[in-house]
Amino acid sequence: MSNLPGTIPHARERARSVRLKAASRHVPHHKRAQEAVSASPPGFLEICWPLVAGLGLSLVAPRLYDALATQQPWISWIVFPFVLLAGRPELGLSAELTRTLPQLILYIQFPLEGLLTLFNLRRRFALSRSLAQVAFLHLIGAFVLWLLSQPVQQP
């Protein structure tokens, strides 16, 4: 909360200012300079690698999808849930869109996940937290696929 010049600062701001000044008196100057360097935002190369990895994975995604779908279909539910969900007739999409959308998602899934991870790393999230978000999305997609594959019981 910023104050206009010539106004009295809010009590919380005054207390915070006093605490910061007292804390900085006890820290040597070279330590404060190191803290300022470590507080600088991460560089582009430090956070752009998930997008580059996602683009690389998108090149091999069709072969990986074919290999997983033929050998272990349940693994393809976890790795490619959005591809499989896009082709489900329950969505009520047109026949042409049901054929085209899974192919599109197959190529853009990993770059989009790389972008999500990049944005999280830019906001200084831990890598484990960023990857956990992507894994959670995959597990939710696999759960929806499992729900859709259950037989409907007629009363």
Protein backbone atom coordinates (compact mmCIF):
# COMPACT_ATOMS: atom_id res chain seq x y z
CA MET A 1 0.00 0.00 0.00
CA SER A 2 1.72 3.17 -1.11
CA ASN A 3 1.20 6.51 0.52
CA LEU A 4 1.08 9.86 -1.19
CA PRO A 5 3.92 12.26 -0.40
CA GLY A 6 3.24 14.24 2.73
CA THR A 7 0.79 11.73 4.21
CA ILE A 8 1.26 9.68 7.33
CA PRO A 9 2.07 6.01 6.60
CA HIS A 10 -0.27 3.33 7.86
CA ALA A 11 0.70 1.73 11.20
CA ARG A 12 1.47 -1.63 9.57
CA GLU A 13 3.76 0.03 7.04
CA ARG A 14 5.58 1.93 9.78
CA ALA A 15 6.10 -1.25 11.80
CA ARG A 16 7.32 -3.13 8.72
CA SER A 17 9.69 -0.32 7.82
CA VAL A 18 11.14 -0.29 11.33
CA ARG A 19 11.61 -4.09 11.27
CA LEU A 20 13.33 -4.00 7.88
CA LYS A 21 15.67 -1.20 8.94
CA ALA A 22 16.56 -3.02 12.18
CA ALA A 23 17.19 -6.26 10.33
CA SER A 24 19.37 -4.59 7.72
CA ARG A 25 21.57 -3.00 10.39
CA HIS A 26 22.67 -6.42 11.60
CA VAL A 27 23.47 -7.81 8.13
CA PRO A 28 26.85 -6.85 6.64
CA HIS A 29 26.76 -4.95 3.36
CA HIS A 30 28.24 -7.79 1.27
CA LYS A 31 25.54 -10.17 2.62
CA ARG A 32 22.81 -7.73 1.57
CA ALA A 33 24.34 -7.55 -1.91
CA GLN A 34 24.35 -11.38 -2.15
CA GLU A 35 20.71 -11.50 -1.05
CA ALA A 36 19.81 -8.94 -3.71
CA VAL A 37 21.52 -11.07 -6.37
CA SER A 38 19.75 -14.22 -5.20
CA ALA A 39 16.42 -12.36 -5.16
CA SER A 40 16.79 -11.43 -8.84
CA PRO A 41 14.36 -13.16 -11.18
CA PRO A 42 15.53 -16.37 -12.85
CA GLY A 43 17.06 -16.06 -16.30
CA PHE A 44 15.29 -17.07 -19.49
CA LEU A 45 17.43 -20.18 -19.98
CA GLU A 46 16.71 -21.33 -16.44
CA ILE A 47 12.97 -21.44 -17.04
CA CYS A 48 12.52 -22.04 -20.80
CA TRP A 49 13.74 -25.64 -20.78
CA PRO A 50 10.25 -27.12 -20.10
CA LEU A 51 8.92 -25.54 -23.29
CA VAL A 52 11.88 -26.83 -25.30
CA ALA A 53 11.39 -30.29 -23.79
CA GLY A 54 7.67 -30.12 -24.62
CA LEU A 55 8.43 -29.22 -28.22
CA GLY A 56 10.88 -32.12 -28.43
CA LEU A 57 8.35 -34.54 -26.97
CA SER A 58 5.72 -33.36 -29.45
CA LEU A 59 7.94 -34.60 -32.27
CA VAL A 60 7.97 -38.16 -30.90
CA ALA A 61 4.44 -38.11 -29.46
CA PRO A 62 2.76 -39.98 -32.35
CA ARG A 63 5.24 -42.87 -32.17
CA LEU A 64 5.02 -42.96 -28.38
CA TYR A 65 1.22 -42.95 -28.53
CA ASP A 66 1.16 -45.82 -31.03
CA ALA A 67 3.61 -47.85 -28.95
CA LEU A 68 1.72 -47.32 -25.70
CA ALA A 69 -1.74 -47.87 -27.20
CA THR A 70 -0.81 -51.25 -28.67
CA GLN A 71 1.22 -52.62 -25.75
CA GLN A 72 -0.21 -51.06 -22.58
CA PRO A 73 -3.51 -49.23 -23.15
CA TRP A 74 -3.86 -48.18 -19.51
CA ILE A 75 -0.52 -46.34 -19.67
CA SER A 76 -1.78 -44.38 -22.66
CA TRP A 77 -4.71 -43.32 -20.45
CA ILE A 78 -2.22 -41.72 -18.06
CA VAL A 79 0.23 -40.27 -20.61
CA PHE A 80 -2.29 -39.15 -23.26
CA PRO A 81 -5.63 -38.67 -21.47
CA PHE A 82 -6.58 -35.52 -23.37
CA VAL A 83 -6.03 -37.18 -26.75
CA LEU A 84 -8.31 -40.03 -25.77
CA LEU A 85 -10.92 -37.73 -24.22
CA ALA A 86 -11.08 -35.58 -27.36
CA GLY A 87 -12.09 -38.60 -29.42
CA ARG A 88 -14.89 -39.75 -27.10
CA PRO A 89 -18.39 -39.74 -28.61
CA GLU A 90 -19.84 -38.61 -25.24
CA LEU A 91 -18.61 -35.09 -25.95
CA GLY A 92 -21.13 -34.80 -28.78
CA LEU A 93 -18.69 -33.33 -31.29
CA SER A 94 -19.12 -33.70 -35.02
CA ALA A 95 -17.55 -36.74 -36.71
CA GLU A 96 -14.89 -34.66 -38.46
CA LEU A 97 -13.93 -32.85 -35.26
CA THR A 98 -13.81 -36.18 -33.39
CA ARG A 99 -11.24 -37.37 -35.96
CA THR A 100 -9.21 -34.14 -36.14
CA LEU A 101 -9.14 -32.91 -32.53
CA PRO A 102 -7.25 -35.91 -31.05
CA GLN A 103 -4.52 -35.51 -33.70
CA LEU A 104 -4.20 -31.82 -32.87
CA ILE A 105 -4.08 -32.46 -29.14
CA LEU A 106 -1.49 -35.20 -29.68
CA TYR A 107 0.91 -32.60 -31.06
CA ILE A 108 0.13 -29.67 -28.74
CA GLN A 109 -0.27 -31.50 -25.39
CA PHE A 110 3.39 -31.53 -24.40
CA PRO A 111 4.20 -27.95 -25.51
CA LEU A 112 1.18 -26.70 -23.52
CA GLU A 113 2.36 -28.61 -20.48
CA GLY A 114 5.82 -27.12 -21.01
CA LEU A 115 4.24 -23.66 -21.06
CA LEU A 116 2.37 -24.38 -17.83
CA THR A 117 5.60 -25.48 -16.18
CA LEU A 118 7.46 -22.46 -17.59
CA PHE A 119 4.87 -20.07 -16.13
CA ASN A 120 5.04 -21.82 -12.77
CA LEU A 121 8.84 -21.65 -12.70
CA ARG A 122 8.68 -17.97 -13.63
CA ARG A 123 6.45 -17.42 -10.58
CA ARG A 124 9.18 -19.14 -8.52
CA PHE A 125 7.27 -22.38 -7.88
CA ALA A 126 9.42 -25.37 -7.11
CA LEU A 127 9.96 -27.75 -10.01
CA SER A 128 8.36 -30.56 -8.03
CA ARG A 129 5.22 -28.47 -7.51
CA SER A 130 5.05 -27.60 -11.21
CA LEU A 131 5.41 -31.22 -12.26
CA ALA A 132 2.87 -32.26 -9.64
CA GLN A 133 0.32 -29.95 -11.27
CA VAL A 134 0.88 -31.57 -14.67
CA ALA A 135 0.69 -35.04 -13.12
CA PHE A 136 -2.54 -34.10 -11.34
CA LEU A 137 -4.09 -32.98 -14.63
CA HIS A 138 -3.10 -36.30 -16.22
CA LEU A 139 -4.56 -38.28 -13.35
CA ILE A 140 -7.82 -36.32 -13.52
CA GLY A 141 -8.00 -37.04 -17.26
CA ALA A 142 -7.31 -40.74 -16.66
CA PHE A 143 -10.00 -40.81 -13.97
CA VAL A 144 -12.54 -39.27 -16.36
CA LEU A 145 -11.59 -41.87 -18.98
CA TRP A 146 -12.08 -44.61 -16.42
CA LEU A 147 -15.49 -43.21 -15.52
CA LEU A 148 -16.51 -43.07 -19.18
CA SER A 149 -15.38 -46.65 -19.76
CA GLN A 150 -17.56 -48.09 -17.01
CA PRO A 151 -20.63 -49.91 -18.28
CA VAL A 152 -23.91 -48.14 -17.72
CA GLN A 153 -26.23 -50.16 -15.51
CA GLN A 154 -29.87 -49.95 -16.47
CA PRO A 155 -32.37 -49.84 -13.56
